[in-house]
Amino acid sequence: MSNFFAFMSRMKYIERWGLMRSVQVENIQEHSLQVAMIAHALAVISNTLYGGTLNADSIAVKAMYHEASEVITGDLATPIKYFNPEIKLAYKQIEKVATEKLHDMLPPQLQDAFADIMNGGDREEHNIIKYADRICAYLKCVEETGAGNGEFSKALKSIKEDIDEITAPEVKYFMNVFAPSFALTLDELG
């Protein structure tokens, strides 16, 4: 018997943005799907428009699992996680141990197939997933501020500045072509 997918199903219980009041609560399962969709799109944009050679499908699967360790660790708020270098390093180690624990829950015959998935892939794949993760944080802030929640105003500005510093053309493309519509109402989308 393996507890792996029973643990994965608990992603829906781990709430994000724990230090902030949210109009719409978001859990890591919802977040991971959105990150997977956007990471896939970034890879397709890279390949189609900028000569990239990424495996978009593989990146999407890795993105689905990018927060998996949080079923063991919980979601530590970004201001705490990055409060200082020692905490950041310690939390990275905690995430690594949690990921290894989850991986070890898989039947031995499946562990090789999941190893790369659980570790987020190579550097280029990892970067695409991180970019998508950052974009999703920005989009959450857009949605919250659009719903009148000023709690997310400072985060919106800060995350947008971080994204503006990313030089990857697929990120610039996504932010110019797709991100603006997240500020629209349903009637405006139609």
N, C-alpha and C. Protein backbone atom coordinates (compact mmCIF):
# COMPACT_ATOMS: atom_id res chain seq x y z
N MET A 1 0.84 -1.18 0.00
CA MET A 1 0.00 0.00 0.00
C MET A 1 0.89 1.25 0.00
N SER A 2 0.44 2.27 -0.76
CA SER A 2 1.16 3.53 -0.84
C SER A 2 0.26 4.68 -0.43
N ASN A 3 0.79 5.57 0.39
CA ASN A 3 0.04 6.75 0.85
C ASN A 3 0.27 7.98 -0.03
N PHE A 4 1.06 7.83 -1.09
CA PHE A 4 1.48 8.97 -1.90
C PHE A 4 0.30 9.82 -2.38
N PHE A 5 -0.64 9.21 -3.08
CA PHE A 5 -1.74 10.01 -3.64
C PHE A 5 -2.74 10.45 -2.59
N ALA A 6 -2.82 9.75 -1.48
CA ALA A 6 -3.65 10.22 -0.37
C ALA A 6 -3.07 11.52 0.18
N PHE A 7 -1.73 11.58 0.27
CA PHE A 7 -1.09 12.83 0.68
C PHE A 7 -1.32 13.92 -0.37
N MET A 8 -1.17 13.58 -1.66
CA MET A 8 -1.36 14.57 -2.72
C MET A 8 -2.78 15.14 -2.67
N SER A 9 -3.77 14.31 -2.33
CA SER A 9 -5.15 14.79 -2.29
C SER A 9 -5.35 15.82 -1.18
N ARG A 10 -4.44 15.87 -0.23
CA ARG A 10 -4.54 16.83 0.86
C ARG A 10 -4.04 18.22 0.48
N MET A 11 -3.56 18.37 -0.75
CA MET A 11 -3.16 19.69 -1.22
C MET A 11 -4.33 20.68 -1.12
N LYS A 12 -5.53 20.16 -1.27
CA LYS A 12 -6.71 21.04 -1.22
C LYS A 12 -6.95 21.66 0.16
N TYR A 13 -6.29 21.12 1.19
CA TYR A 13 -6.47 21.65 2.55
C TYR A 13 -5.41 22.68 2.94
N ILE A 14 -4.40 22.85 2.12
CA ILE A 14 -3.31 23.78 2.45
C ILE A 14 -3.61 25.13 1.81
N GLU A 15 -3.95 26.10 2.63
CA GLU A 15 -4.29 27.43 2.12
C GLU A 15 -3.04 28.28 1.91
N ARG A 16 -3.10 29.08 0.87
CA ARG A 16 -2.02 30.02 0.55
C ARG A 16 -2.35 31.39 1.15
N TRP A 17 -1.36 32.26 1.17
CA TRP A 17 -1.51 33.64 1.60
C TRP A 17 -2.00 33.71 3.05
N GLY A 18 -1.41 32.89 3.90
CA GLY A 18 -1.87 32.74 5.27
C GLY A 18 -1.83 34.01 6.12
N LEU A 19 -0.95 34.93 5.81
CA LEU A 19 -0.86 36.15 6.62
C LEU A 19 -1.78 37.26 6.13
N MET A 20 -2.47 37.01 5.01
CA MET A 20 -3.28 38.06 4.41
C MET A 20 -4.75 37.66 4.35
N ARG A 21 -5.60 38.65 4.52
CA ARG A 21 -7.04 38.41 4.38
C ARG A 21 -7.35 38.34 2.89
N SER A 22 -7.96 37.25 2.47
CA SER A 22 -8.29 37.06 1.06
C SER A 22 -9.80 37.11 0.84
N VAL A 23 -10.21 37.72 -0.25
CA VAL A 23 -11.61 37.69 -0.65
C VAL A 23 -11.95 36.27 -1.09
N GLN A 24 -11.05 35.67 -1.86
CA GLN A 24 -11.21 34.29 -2.33
C GLN A 24 -10.03 33.47 -1.82
N VAL A 25 -10.30 32.53 -0.91
CA VAL A 25 -9.25 31.67 -0.37
C VAL A 25 -8.73 30.78 -1.50
N GLU A 26 -7.42 30.59 -1.52
CA GLU A 26 -6.77 29.77 -2.54
C GLU A 26 -5.98 28.66 -1.85
N ASN A 27 -6.11 27.44 -2.35
CA ASN A 27 -5.32 26.35 -1.79
C ASN A 27 -4.23 25.94 -2.77
N ILE A 28 -3.28 25.13 -2.32
CA ILE A 28 -2.14 24.80 -3.18
C ILE A 28 -2.51 23.86 -4.32
N GLN A 29 -3.63 23.16 -4.21
CA GLN A 29 -4.06 22.32 -5.33
C GLN A 29 -4.54 23.20 -6.48
N GLU A 30 -5.37 24.19 -6.17
CA GLU A 30 -5.83 25.14 -7.19
C GLU A 30 -4.64 25.90 -7.78
N HIS A 31 -3.80 26.36 -6.90
CA HIS A 31 -2.62 27.11 -7.33
C HIS A 31 -1.74 26.28 -8.25
N SER A 32 -1.52 25.02 -7.90
CA SER A 32 -0.64 24.17 -8.70
C SER A 32 -1.20 23.94 -10.10
N LEU A 33 -2.52 23.82 -10.22
CA LEU A 33 -3.11 23.68 -11.55
C LEU A 33 -2.88 24.94 -12.37
N GLN A 34 -3.09 26.10 -11.76
CA GLN A 34 -2.87 27.34 -12.51
C GLN A 34 -1.40 27.49 -12.90
N VAL A 35 -0.49 27.16 -12.00
CA VAL A 35 0.94 27.22 -12.33
C VAL A 35 1.25 26.26 -13.48
N ALA A 36 0.68 25.06 -13.45
CA ALA A 36 0.92 24.09 -14.52
C ALA A 36 0.43 24.62 -15.86
N MET A 37 -0.74 25.24 -15.86
CA MET A 37 -1.29 25.78 -17.10
C MET A 37 -0.41 26.91 -17.65
N ILE A 38 0.02 27.79 -16.76
CA ILE A 38 0.83 28.93 -17.21
C ILE A 38 2.25 28.49 -17.57
N ALA A 39 2.82 27.56 -16.82
CA ALA A 39 4.15 27.04 -17.18
C ALA A 39 4.10 26.38 -18.54
N HIS A 40 3.04 25.62 -18.80
CA HIS A 40 2.86 24.99 -20.12
C HIS A 40 2.81 26.07 -21.19
N ALA A 41 2.01 27.12 -20.94
CA ALA A 41 1.90 28.22 -21.91
C ALA A 41 3.24 28.90 -22.13
N LEU A 42 3.99 29.15 -21.05
CA LEU A 42 5.31 29.78 -21.21
C LEU A 42 6.24 28.94 -22.08
N ALA A 43 6.20 27.62 -21.88
CA ALA A 43 7.04 26.73 -22.68
C ALA A 43 6.60 26.75 -24.15
N VAL A 44 5.29 26.72 -24.39
CA VAL A 44 4.78 26.77 -25.76
C VAL A 44 5.16 28.10 -26.41
N ILE A 45 5.02 29.19 -25.68
CA ILE A 45 5.40 30.50 -26.20
C ILE A 45 6.89 30.52 -26.54
N SER A 46 7.70 30.01 -25.63
CA SER A 46 9.15 29.95 -25.87
C SER A 46 9.46 29.17 -27.13
N ASN A 47 8.85 28.01 -27.27
CA ASN A 47 9.12 27.14 -28.42
C ASN A 47 8.59 27.73 -29.73
N THR A 48 7.40 28.29 -29.69
CA THR A 48 6.73 28.76 -30.90
C THR A 48 7.27 30.10 -31.38
N LEU A 49 7.53 31.00 -30.45
CA LEU A 49 7.90 32.36 -30.84
C LEU A 49 9.38 32.68 -30.69
N TYR A 50 10.10 31.94 -29.85
CA TYR A 50 11.47 32.33 -29.54
C TYR A 50 12.49 31.21 -29.73
N GLY A 51 12.14 30.18 -30.48
CA GLY A 51 13.09 29.12 -30.82
C GLY A 51 13.46 28.18 -29.69
N GLY A 52 12.64 28.13 -28.64
CA GLY A 52 12.92 27.24 -27.52
C GLY A 52 12.74 25.78 -27.89
N THR A 53 13.24 24.91 -27.06
CA THR A 53 13.13 23.46 -27.28
C THR A 53 12.64 22.76 -26.02
N LEU A 54 11.75 23.40 -25.31
CA LEU A 54 11.25 22.86 -24.05
C LEU A 54 10.17 21.80 -24.29
N ASN A 55 10.07 20.86 -23.37
CA ASN A 55 8.97 19.88 -23.40
C ASN A 55 7.86 20.45 -22.53
N ALA A 56 6.91 21.11 -23.18
CA ALA A 56 5.84 21.81 -22.46
C ALA A 56 5.00 20.87 -21.61
N ASP A 57 4.74 19.67 -22.12
CA ASP A 57 3.91 18.72 -21.36
C ASP A 57 4.63 18.27 -20.09
N SER A 58 5.91 17.99 -20.21
CA SER A 58 6.70 17.58 -19.05
C SER A 58 6.76 18.69 -18.00
N ILE A 59 6.91 19.91 -18.46
CA ILE A 59 6.95 21.05 -17.56
C ILE A 59 5.62 21.21 -16.82
N ALA A 60 4.51 21.00 -17.53
CA ALA A 60 3.20 21.11 -16.90
C ALA A 60 3.05 20.09 -15.77
N VAL A 61 3.50 18.86 -16.01
CA VAL A 61 3.40 17.83 -14.97
C VAL A 61 4.28 18.19 -13.78
N LYS A 62 5.48 18.63 -14.03
CA LYS A 62 6.37 19.02 -12.92
C LYS A 62 5.78 20.18 -12.13
N ALA A 63 5.14 21.10 -12.82
CA ALA A 63 4.51 22.24 -12.15
C ALA A 63 3.35 21.79 -11.26
N MET A 64 2.64 20.74 -11.67
CA MET A 64 1.54 20.23 -10.83
C MET A 64 2.04 19.79 -9.46
N TYR A 65 3.29 19.36 -9.40
CA TYR A 65 3.86 18.84 -8.16
C TYR A 65 4.78 19.84 -7.46
N HIS A 66 4.87 21.08 -7.96
CA HIS A 66 5.88 22.01 -7.44
C HIS A 66 5.66 22.41 -5.98
N GLU A 67 4.44 22.25 -5.48
CA GLU A 67 4.14 22.58 -4.07
C GLU A 67 3.87 21.32 -3.25
N ALA A 68 4.15 20.15 -3.80
CA ALA A 68 3.79 18.89 -3.15
C ALA A 68 4.34 18.79 -1.72
N SER A 69 5.53 19.26 -1.48
CA SER A 69 6.13 19.14 -0.15
C SER A 69 5.29 19.84 0.92
N GLU A 70 4.47 20.78 0.52
CA GLU A 70 3.68 21.54 1.48
C GLU A 70 2.58 20.71 2.14
N VAL A 71 2.28 19.51 1.62
CA VAL A 71 1.33 18.65 2.34
C VAL A 71 1.96 18.15 3.63
N ILE A 72 3.27 18.23 3.72
CA ILE A 72 3.98 17.88 4.95
C ILE A 72 4.38 19.13 5.72
N THR A 73 4.89 20.15 5.02
CA THR A 73 5.41 21.34 5.69
C THR A 73 4.37 22.42 5.95
N GLY A 74 3.28 22.40 5.20
CA GLY A 74 2.35 23.52 5.21
C GLY A 74 2.92 24.63 4.33
N ASP A 75 2.15 25.67 4.14
CA ASP A 75 2.61 26.80 3.33
C ASP A 75 3.19 27.86 4.25
N LEU A 76 4.47 28.07 4.17
CA LEU A 76 5.11 29.12 4.96
C LEU A 76 5.04 30.41 4.16
N ALA A 77 4.54 31.45 4.76
CA ALA A 77 4.37 32.73 4.07
C ALA A 77 5.71 33.26 3.57
N THR A 78 5.70 33.85 2.39
CA THR A 78 6.91 34.36 1.75
C THR A 78 7.72 35.30 2.64
N PRO A 79 7.09 36.26 3.34
CA PRO A 79 7.90 37.15 4.19
C PRO A 79 8.68 36.40 5.27
N ILE A 80 8.14 35.29 5.72
CA ILE A 80 8.84 34.48 6.74
C ILE A 80 9.91 33.63 6.06
N LYS A 81 9.52 32.98 4.97
CA LYS A 81 10.41 32.07 4.25
C LYS A 81 11.71 32.77 3.81
N TYR A 82 11.58 34.03 3.44
CA TYR A 82 12.75 34.77 2.94
C TYR A 82 13.18 35.88 3.90
N PHE A 83 12.83 35.75 5.18
CA PHE A 83 13.14 36.77 6.18
C PHE A 83 14.64 37.02 6.27
N ASN A 84 15.43 35.95 6.26
CA ASN A 84 16.89 36.09 6.24
C ASN A 84 17.50 34.85 5.59
N PRO A 85 18.77 34.91 5.23
CA PRO A 85 19.40 33.79 4.51
C PRO A 85 19.36 32.45 5.27
N GLU A 86 19.48 32.51 6.58
CA GLU A 86 19.47 31.28 7.37
C GLU A 86 18.11 30.59 7.32
N ILE A 87 17.04 31.38 7.46
CA ILE A 87 15.69 30.80 7.39
C ILE A 87 15.43 30.26 5.99
N LYS A 88 15.83 31.01 4.98
CA LYS A 88 15.63 30.58 3.59
C LYS A 88 16.33 29.24 3.35
N LEU A 89 17.56 29.13 3.76
CA LEU A 89 18.34 27.90 3.59
C LEU A 89 17.72 26.74 4.37
N ALA A 90 17.34 27.01 5.61
CA ALA A 90 16.73 25.96 6.43
C ALA A 90 15.42 25.48 5.82
N TYR A 91 14.62 26.41 5.31
CA TYR A 91 13.33 26.01 4.72
C TYR A 91 13.55 25.20 3.45
N LYS A 92 14.54 25.58 2.65
CA LYS A 92 14.86 24.79 1.44
C LYS A 92 15.21 23.36 1.83
N GLN A 93 15.95 23.19 2.91
CA GLN A 93 16.31 21.86 3.37
C GLN A 93 15.08 21.09 3.86
N ILE A 94 14.19 21.78 4.56
CA ILE A 94 12.94 21.16 5.02
C ILE A 94 12.11 20.70 3.82
N GLU A 95 12.00 21.56 2.80
CA GLU A 95 11.27 21.19 1.58
C GLU A 95 11.89 19.97 0.91
N LYS A 96 13.21 19.92 0.88
CA LYS A 96 13.92 18.80 0.26
C LYS A 96 13.61 17.49 1.00
N VAL A 97 13.67 17.54 2.32
CA VAL A 97 13.39 16.35 3.13
C VAL A 97 11.93 15.91 2.93
N ALA A 98 11.01 16.87 2.91
CA ALA A 98 9.59 16.54 2.71
C ALA A 98 9.36 15.92 1.34
N THR A 99 10.01 16.47 0.31
CA THR A 99 9.89 15.91 -1.04
C THR A 99 10.43 14.49 -1.09
N GLU A 100 11.57 14.27 -0.45
CA GLU A 100 12.14 12.91 -0.41
C GLU A 100 11.21 11.94 0.32
N LYS A 101 10.59 12.40 1.39
CA LYS A 101 9.66 11.56 2.15
C LYS A 101 8.47 11.16 1.27
N LEU A 102 7.93 12.13 0.54
CA LEU A 102 6.82 11.83 -0.36
C LEU A 102 7.25 10.87 -1.46
N HIS A 103 8.40 11.13 -2.06
CA HIS A 103 8.92 10.26 -3.12
C HIS A 103 9.08 8.84 -2.62
N ASP A 104 9.56 8.69 -1.40
CA ASP A 104 9.78 7.36 -0.82
C ASP A 104 8.46 6.63 -0.54
N MET A 105 7.35 7.35 -0.52
CA MET A 105 6.04 6.71 -0.33
C MET A 105 5.58 5.95 -1.57
N LEU A 106 6.16 6.30 -2.71
CA LEU A 106 5.78 5.63 -3.95
C LEU A 106 6.29 4.19 -3.95
N PRO A 107 5.58 3.29 -4.60
CA PRO A 107 6.12 1.93 -4.76
C PRO A 107 7.49 2.00 -5.45
N PRO A 108 8.43 1.17 -5.06
CA PRO A 108 9.78 1.23 -5.63
C PRO A 108 9.81 1.21 -7.16
N GLN A 109 8.88 0.50 -7.78
CA GLN A 109 8.86 0.40 -9.24
C GLN A 109 8.50 1.73 -9.91
N LEU A 110 7.88 2.66 -9.18
CA LEU A 110 7.46 3.95 -9.73
C LEU A 110 8.38 5.10 -9.35
N GLN A 111 9.28 4.87 -8.43
CA GLN A 111 10.10 5.96 -7.91
C GLN A 111 10.97 6.62 -8.99
N ASP A 112 11.55 5.84 -9.87
CA ASP A 112 12.38 6.43 -10.92
C ASP A 112 11.56 7.35 -11.82
N ALA A 113 10.35 6.94 -12.15
CA ALA A 113 9.50 7.74 -13.04
C ALA A 113 9.10 9.07 -12.40
N PHE A 114 9.02 9.10 -11.07
CA PHE A 114 8.60 10.32 -10.38
C PHE A 114 9.77 11.17 -9.88
N ALA A 115 10.98 10.65 -9.91
CA ALA A 115 12.12 11.37 -9.33
C ALA A 115 12.30 12.76 -9.95
N ASP A 116 12.36 12.83 -11.26
CA ASP A 116 12.56 14.11 -11.94
C ASP A 116 11.35 15.03 -11.76
N ILE A 117 10.17 14.43 -11.75
CA ILE A 117 8.94 15.21 -11.56
C ILE A 117 8.95 15.88 -10.19
N MET A 118 9.27 15.11 -9.17
CA MET A 118 9.24 15.64 -7.80
C MET A 118 10.34 16.68 -7.55
N ASN A 119 11.42 16.59 -8.32
CA ASN A 119 12.54 17.52 -8.13
C ASN A 119 12.46 18.75 -9.04
N GLY A 120 11.42 18.84 -9.86
CA GLY A 120 11.21 20.04 -10.66
C GLY A 120 12.00 20.12 -11.95
N GLY A 121 12.67 19.05 -12.35
CA GLY A 121 13.35 19.04 -13.64
C GLY A 121 14.69 19.74 -13.63
N ASP A 122 15.18 19.99 -14.84
CA ASP A 122 16.48 20.65 -14.99
C ASP A 122 16.33 22.16 -14.74
N ARG A 123 17.42 22.88 -14.82
CA ARG A 123 17.43 24.31 -14.48
C ARG A 123 16.45 25.10 -15.34
N GLU A 124 16.43 24.85 -16.64
CA GLU A 124 15.56 25.60 -17.54
C GLU A 124 14.09 25.32 -17.24
N GLU A 125 13.75 24.07 -16.98
CA GLU A 125 12.37 23.71 -16.63
C GLU A 125 12.00 24.35 -15.29
N HIS A 126 12.91 24.26 -14.35
CA HIS A 126 12.68 24.84 -13.02
C HIS A 126 12.42 26.34 -13.13
N ASN A 127 13.19 27.02 -13.98
CA ASN A 127 12.99 28.46 -14.16
C ASN A 127 11.62 28.78 -14.73
N ILE A 128 11.18 28.01 -15.71
CA ILE A 128 9.86 28.24 -16.31
C ILE A 128 8.78 28.08 -15.24
N ILE A 129 8.91 27.06 -14.41
CA ILE A 129 7.93 26.82 -13.34
C ILE A 129 7.97 27.97 -12.33
N LYS A 130 9.15 28.45 -11.99
CA LYS A 130 9.27 29.58 -11.06
C LYS A 130 8.65 30.84 -11.66
N TYR A 131 8.88 31.07 -12.96
CA TYR A 131 8.26 32.23 -13.61
C TYR A 131 6.73 32.11 -13.53
N ALA A 132 6.21 30.94 -13.83
CA ALA A 132 4.76 30.72 -13.79
C ALA A 132 4.23 30.92 -12.38
N ASP A 133 4.97 30.45 -11.40
CA ASP A 133 4.58 30.61 -10.00
C ASP A 133 4.49 32.09 -9.65
N ARG A 134 5.45 32.85 -10.10
CA ARG A 134 5.47 34.29 -9.82
C ARG A 134 4.32 34.99 -10.53
N ILE A 135 4.07 34.61 -11.78
CA ILE A 135 2.95 35.19 -12.52
C ILE A 135 1.63 34.88 -11.80
N CYS A 136 1.48 33.67 -11.30
CA CYS A 136 0.26 33.30 -10.58
C CYS A 136 0.08 34.13 -9.32
N ALA A 137 1.17 34.41 -8.63
CA ALA A 137 1.09 35.27 -7.45
C ALA A 137 0.62 36.67 -7.85
N TYR A 138 1.15 37.17 -8.95
CA TYR A 138 0.73 38.47 -9.47
C TYR A 138 -0.75 38.46 -9.82
N LEU A 139 -1.19 37.42 -10.52
CA LEU A 139 -2.59 37.33 -10.93
C LEU A 139 -3.53 37.24 -9.73
N LYS A 140 -3.10 36.56 -8.69
CA LYS A 140 -3.89 36.50 -7.45
C LYS A 140 -4.04 37.92 -6.88
N CYS A 141 -2.96 38.67 -6.88
CA CYS A 141 -3.01 40.05 -6.38
C CYS A 141 -3.92 40.91 -7.24
N VAL A 142 -3.88 40.73 -8.55
CA VAL A 142 -4.76 41.48 -9.46
C VAL A 142 -6.22 41.17 -9.12
N GLU A 143 -6.52 39.89 -8.95
CA GLU A 143 -7.90 39.49 -8.64
C GLU A 143 -8.35 40.05 -7.29
N GLU A 144 -7.49 39.96 -6.29
CA GLU A 144 -7.85 40.44 -4.95
C GLU A 144 -8.04 41.96 -4.94
N THR A 145 -7.12 42.70 -5.54
CA THR A 145 -7.27 44.16 -5.55
C THR A 145 -8.47 44.56 -6.40
N GLY A 146 -8.74 43.81 -7.47
CA GLY A 146 -9.92 44.07 -8.30
C GLY A 146 -11.22 43.85 -7.54
N ALA A 147 -11.17 42.99 -6.53
CA ALA A 147 -12.35 42.73 -5.69
C ALA A 147 -12.41 43.71 -4.51
N GLY A 148 -11.54 44.72 -4.55
CA GLY A 148 -11.57 45.74 -3.51
C GLY A 148 -10.73 45.43 -2.28
N ASN A 149 -9.90 44.41 -2.35
CA ASN A 149 -9.09 44.02 -1.21
C ASN A 149 -7.73 44.74 -1.26
N GLY A 150 -7.64 45.85 -0.53
CA GLY A 150 -6.40 46.62 -0.49
C GLY A 150 -5.26 45.89 0.18
N GLU A 151 -5.55 44.80 0.88
CA GLU A 151 -4.54 43.99 1.56
C GLU A 151 -3.45 43.52 0.58
N PHE A 152 -3.81 43.39 -0.70
CA PHE A 152 -2.89 42.85 -1.70
C PHE A 152 -2.20 43.94 -2.54
N SER A 153 -2.46 45.21 -2.24
CA SER A 153 -1.92 46.30 -3.06
C SER A 153 -0.40 46.34 -3.08
N LYS A 154 0.21 46.25 -1.91
CA LYS A 154 1.67 46.30 -1.84
C LYS A 154 2.29 45.07 -2.51
N ALA A 155 1.71 43.90 -2.27
CA ALA A 155 2.21 42.68 -2.91
C ALA A 155 2.10 42.77 -4.43
N LEU A 156 1.00 43.34 -4.91
CA LEU A 156 0.81 43.51 -6.36
C LEU A 156 1.96 44.31 -6.96
N LYS A 157 2.28 45.43 -6.32
CA LYS A 157 3.36 46.30 -6.82
C LYS A 157 4.71 45.58 -6.75
N SER A 158 4.99 44.95 -5.64
CA SER A 158 6.27 44.28 -5.44
C SER A 158 6.47 43.11 -6.40
N ILE A 159 5.44 42.30 -6.56
CA ILE A 159 5.54 41.13 -7.45
C ILE A 159 5.65 41.58 -8.90
N LYS A 160 4.93 42.62 -9.26
CA LYS A 160 5.02 43.15 -10.63
C LYS A 160 6.43 43.63 -10.91
N GLU A 161 7.05 44.29 -9.95
CA GLU A 161 8.44 44.74 -10.12
C GLU A 161 9.37 43.54 -10.30
N ASP A 162 9.16 42.47 -9.53
CA ASP A 162 9.96 41.25 -9.69
C ASP A 162 9.81 40.67 -11.10
N ILE A 163 8.57 40.59 -11.56
CA ILE A 163 8.31 40.03 -12.90
C ILE A 163 8.92 40.91 -13.98
N ASP A 164 8.86 42.21 -13.81
CA ASP A 164 9.44 43.13 -14.80
C ASP A 164 10.94 42.94 -14.94
N GLU A 165 11.58 42.42 -13.90
CA GLU A 165 13.03 42.17 -13.95
C GLU A 165 13.39 40.86 -14.66
N ILE A 166 12.41 40.00 -14.89
CA ILE A 166 12.67 38.74 -15.59
C ILE A 166 12.86 39.05 -17.07
N THR A 167 13.96 38.61 -17.62
CA THR A 167 14.28 38.94 -19.01
C THR A 167 13.77 37.92 -20.02
N ALA A 168 13.24 36.81 -19.58
CA ALA A 168 12.75 35.77 -20.49
C ALA A 168 11.64 36.33 -21.38
N PRO A 169 11.79 36.26 -22.70
CA PRO A 169 10.79 36.86 -23.59
C PRO A 169 9.40 36.22 -23.47
N GLU A 170 9.35 34.94 -23.10
CA GLU A 170 8.04 34.29 -22.97
C GLU A 170 7.25 34.89 -21.80
N VAL A 171 7.96 35.34 -20.77
CA VAL A 171 7.30 35.99 -19.63
C VAL A 171 6.76 37.35 -20.06
N LYS A 172 7.57 38.11 -20.77
CA LYS A 172 7.13 39.43 -21.27
C LYS A 172 5.89 39.26 -22.16
N TYR A 173 5.94 38.26 -23.04
CA TYR A 173 4.82 38.00 -23.94
C TYR A 173 3.56 37.68 -23.13
N PHE A 174 3.66 36.76 -22.18
CA PHE A 174 2.49 36.38 -21.39
C PHE A 174 1.93 37.58 -20.65
N MET A 175 2.79 38.37 -20.05
CA MET A 175 2.34 39.53 -19.28
C MET A 175 1.66 40.58 -20.17
N ASN A 176 2.12 40.71 -21.41
CA ASN A 176 1.52 41.68 -22.33
C ASN A 176 0.24 41.17 -22.97
N VAL A 177 0.18 39.87 -23.28
CA VAL A 177 -0.93 39.33 -24.05
C VAL A 177 -2.05 38.76 -23.16
N PHE A 178 -1.68 38.07 -22.11
CA PHE A 178 -2.68 37.35 -21.31
C PHE A 178 -3.01 38.00 -19.96
N ALA A 179 -2.03 38.54 -19.28
CA ALA A 179 -2.24 39.04 -17.92
C ALA A 179 -3.26 40.18 -17.83
N PRO A 180 -3.30 41.12 -18.77
CA PRO A 180 -4.24 42.24 -18.61
C PRO A 180 -5.70 41.82 -18.47
N SER A 181 -6.09 40.72 -19.07
CA SER A 181 -7.50 40.31 -19.02
C SER A 181 -7.92 39.84 -17.63
N PHE A 182 -6.98 39.56 -16.75
CA PHE A 182 -7.33 39.15 -15.38
C PHE A 182 -7.93 40.30 -14.57
N ALA A 183 -7.78 41.51 -15.05
CA ALA A 183 -8.37 42.67 -14.36
C ALA A 183 -9.78 42.96 -14.85
N LEU A 184 -10.26 42.19 -15.83
CA LEU A 184 -11.59 42.44 -16.39
C LEU A 184 -12.67 41.68 -15.64
N THR A 185 -13.87 42.23 -15.70
CA THR A 185 -15.03 41.52 -15.13
C THR A 185 -15.49 40.46 -16.12
N LEU A 186 -16.37 39.57 -15.69
CA LEU A 186 -16.91 38.54 -16.57
C LEU A 186 -17.58 39.15 -17.78
N ASP A 187 -18.36 40.22 -17.58
CA ASP A 187 -19.02 40.88 -18.71
C ASP A 187 -18.01 41.46 -19.69
N GLU A 188 -16.91 41.98 -19.17
CA GLU A 188 -15.88 42.55 -20.04
C GLU A 188 -15.13 41.45 -20.79
N LEU A 189 -15.00 40.28 -20.20
CA LEU A 189 -14.34 39.16 -20.88
C LEU A 189 -15.15 38.64 -22.06
N GLY A 190 -16.47 38.70 -21.93
CA GLY A 190 -17.37 38.15 -22.96
C GLY A 190 -17.43 38.99 -24.17
